[in-house]
Amino acid sequence: RIMGLDLGDKTIGVALSDPFFITAQAYLTIKRKKTSLDIEKLLEIVEEKDVNLIVIGLPKNMNNTLGPQAMKVISFVDLLKEETDIEIKYQDERMTTIQSDKVLTDMSVRRENKKKYIDKIAASFILQTYLDGRSNE
């Protein structure tokens, strides 16, 4: 499987592909504690779900430059690479949070409940964008 990640300051949204790499499903939201523990949790999922590729959202600015949030993602990936040999790819994640919020609004999810879902749905958009790009190659 392929794992998609939406890395935030407080949470990490996790999505997984189906075994045929066609669809992305929102899987869970990890409440961030400490980077080493966050990485440990991700590696448990990698092992448990037989993940062989990680796709992580890279939050670029609208003008395609990298800002402070993108630098946090790159630093996290550097630490993750020290703990695993699994390939990690970046996926442009501009607009995924907006798309996720729209899906939840369309589903009539109340504002106070959106926090529970938005990160893992954003992760599924990141992963689905990657999967769709793969199938178009």
Protein backbone atom coordinates (compact mmCIF):
# COMPACT_ATOMS: atom_id res chain seq x y z
CA ARG A 1 0.00 0.00 0.00
CA ILE A 2 0.87 3.66 -0.25
CA MET A 3 0.44 5.93 2.78
CA GLY A 4 -0.50 9.59 2.38
CA LEU A 5 0.30 12.14 5.08
CA ASP A 6 -0.95 15.63 5.86
CA LEU A 7 1.54 16.97 8.40
CA GLY A 8 0.35 19.74 10.66
CA ASP A 9 1.71 21.32 13.82
CA LYS A 10 -0.86 19.59 16.06
CA THR A 11 -1.95 16.55 14.03
CA ILE A 12 -0.93 14.23 11.21
CA GLY A 13 -3.65 13.08 8.85
CA VAL A 14 -3.06 9.57 7.51
CA ALA A 15 -4.61 7.98 4.42
CA LEU A 16 -3.97 4.60 2.81
CA SER A 17 -4.34 3.38 -0.74
CA ASP A 18 -6.24 0.25 -1.62
CA PRO A 19 -3.96 -2.72 -2.51
CA PHE A 20 -4.30 -1.89 -6.24
CA PHE A 21 -3.24 1.77 -5.82
CA ILE A 22 -6.49 3.13 -7.30
CA THR A 23 -8.22 4.85 -4.39
CA ALA A 24 -7.17 6.64 -1.24
CA GLN A 25 -9.09 6.17 1.99
CA ALA A 26 -8.86 8.43 5.03
CA TYR A 27 -7.40 6.24 7.79
CA LEU A 28 -6.76 8.18 11.00
CA THR A 29 -5.58 11.40 12.60
CA ILE A 30 -2.59 11.25 14.91
CA LYS A 31 -2.45 13.85 17.68
CA ARG A 32 1.16 15.02 17.66
CA LYS A 33 3.11 14.58 20.88
CA LYS A 34 6.82 14.55 20.13
CA THR A 35 8.48 14.03 16.73
CA SER A 36 10.15 10.76 17.74
CA LEU A 37 6.82 9.36 18.99
CA ASP A 38 5.00 10.60 15.87
CA ILE A 39 7.54 8.81 13.67
CA GLU A 40 7.25 5.67 15.81
CA LYS A 41 3.46 5.65 15.32
CA LEU A 42 3.82 6.14 11.55
CA LEU A 43 6.31 3.27 11.33
CA GLU A 44 3.88 1.02 13.25
CA ILE A 45 1.25 1.77 10.58
CA VAL A 46 3.82 1.15 7.81
CA GLU A 47 4.56 -2.27 9.30
CA GLU A 48 0.94 -3.17 10.09
CA LYS A 49 -0.47 -2.11 6.70
CA ASP A 50 2.49 -3.26 4.57
CA VAL A 51 3.23 0.24 3.23
CA ASN A 52 6.03 0.49 0.67
CA LEU A 53 5.77 4.19 -0.27
CA ILE A 54 4.93 7.32 1.71
CA VAL A 55 3.51 10.41 -0.01
CA ILE A 56 3.58 13.54 2.13
CA GLY A 57 1.88 16.82 1.34
CA LEU A 58 4.25 19.72 0.70
CA PRO A 59 2.48 23.00 1.49
CA LYS A 60 3.80 25.32 -1.20
CA ASN A 61 2.86 28.97 -1.39
CA MET A 62 0.51 29.95 -4.22
CA ASN A 63 3.51 31.32 -6.16
CA ASN A 64 5.16 27.85 -5.93
CA THR A 65 7.77 28.89 -3.35
CA LEU A 66 8.47 27.07 -0.09
CA GLY A 67 7.55 28.84 3.12
CA PRO A 68 8.07 28.05 6.82
CA GLN A 69 5.41 25.30 6.88
CA ALA A 70 7.05 23.52 3.92
CA MET A 71 10.41 23.70 5.73
CA LYS A 72 8.81 21.98 8.76
CA VAL A 73 7.60 19.17 6.47
CA ILE A 74 11.05 18.77 4.88
CA SER A 75 12.70 18.67 8.35
CA PHE A 76 10.20 16.02 9.49
CA VAL A 77 10.88 13.94 6.35
CA ASP A 78 14.64 14.16 6.98
CA LEU A 79 14.07 12.69 10.46
CA LEU A 80 11.67 10.05 9.11
CA LYS A 81 14.26 8.98 6.50
CA GLU A 82 16.74 8.32 9.32
CA GLU A 83 14.32 5.71 10.71
CA THR A 84 13.16 3.91 7.55
CA ASP A 85 14.35 2.89 4.09
CA ILE A 86 10.87 3.31 2.61
CA GLU A 87 10.74 5.76 -0.28
CA ILE A 88 9.13 9.10 0.57
CA LYS A 89 7.74 11.43 -2.11
CA TYR A 90 6.40 14.95 -1.85
CA GLN A 91 3.01 15.91 -3.30
CA ASP A 92 1.90 19.50 -3.78
CA GLU A 93 -0.90 19.96 -1.27
CA ARG A 94 -2.14 23.41 -2.16
CA MET A 95 -5.92 23.58 -1.78
CA THR A 96 -6.36 20.17 -0.07
CA THR A 97 -7.54 21.68 3.22
CA ILE A 98 -10.04 23.83 1.32
CA GLN A 99 -11.26 20.76 -0.61
CA SER A 100 -11.53 18.78 2.65
CA ASP A 101 -13.50 21.55 4.35
CA LYS A 102 -15.88 21.67 1.38
CA VAL A 103 -16.47 17.90 1.54
CA LEU A 104 -17.27 18.13 5.26
CA THR A 105 -19.55 21.12 4.68
CA ASP A 106 -21.34 19.25 1.87
CA MET A 107 -21.79 16.34 4.28
CA SER A 108 -23.31 18.76 6.84
CA VAL A 109 -20.62 18.01 9.43
CA ARG A 110 -20.90 20.56 12.21
CA ARG A 111 -18.06 23.06 12.53
CA GLU A 112 -16.98 21.77 15.96
CA ASN A 113 -16.70 18.21 14.59
CA LYS A 114 -14.71 19.10 11.47
CA LYS A 115 -11.40 19.08 13.36
CA LYS A 116 -11.77 15.34 13.93
CA TYR A 117 -11.90 14.60 10.20
CA ILE A 118 -10.25 17.36 8.21
CA ASP A 119 -6.63 16.16 8.45
CA LYS A 120 -7.24 12.57 7.42
CA ILE A 121 -9.50 13.74 4.58
CA ALA A 122 -6.77 16.18 3.47
CA ALA A 123 -4.32 13.23 3.56
CA SER A 124 -6.68 11.26 1.32
CA PHE A 125 -6.79 14.17 -1.18
CA ILE A 126 -2.97 14.33 -1.17
CA LEU A 127 -2.73 10.58 -1.76
CA GLN A 128 -5.51 10.52 -4.37
CA THR A 129 -3.80 13.32 -6.31
CA TYR A 130 -0.59 11.26 -6.31
CA LEU A 131 -2.41 8.06 -7.36
CA ASP A 132 -4.25 9.86 -10.17
CA GLY A 133 -0.95 11.32 -11.39
CA ARG A 134 0.61 7.85 -11.42
CA SER A 135 -2.18 6.38 -13.51
CA ASN A 136 -1.87 9.22 -16.03
CA GLU A 137 1.82 8.49 -16.67
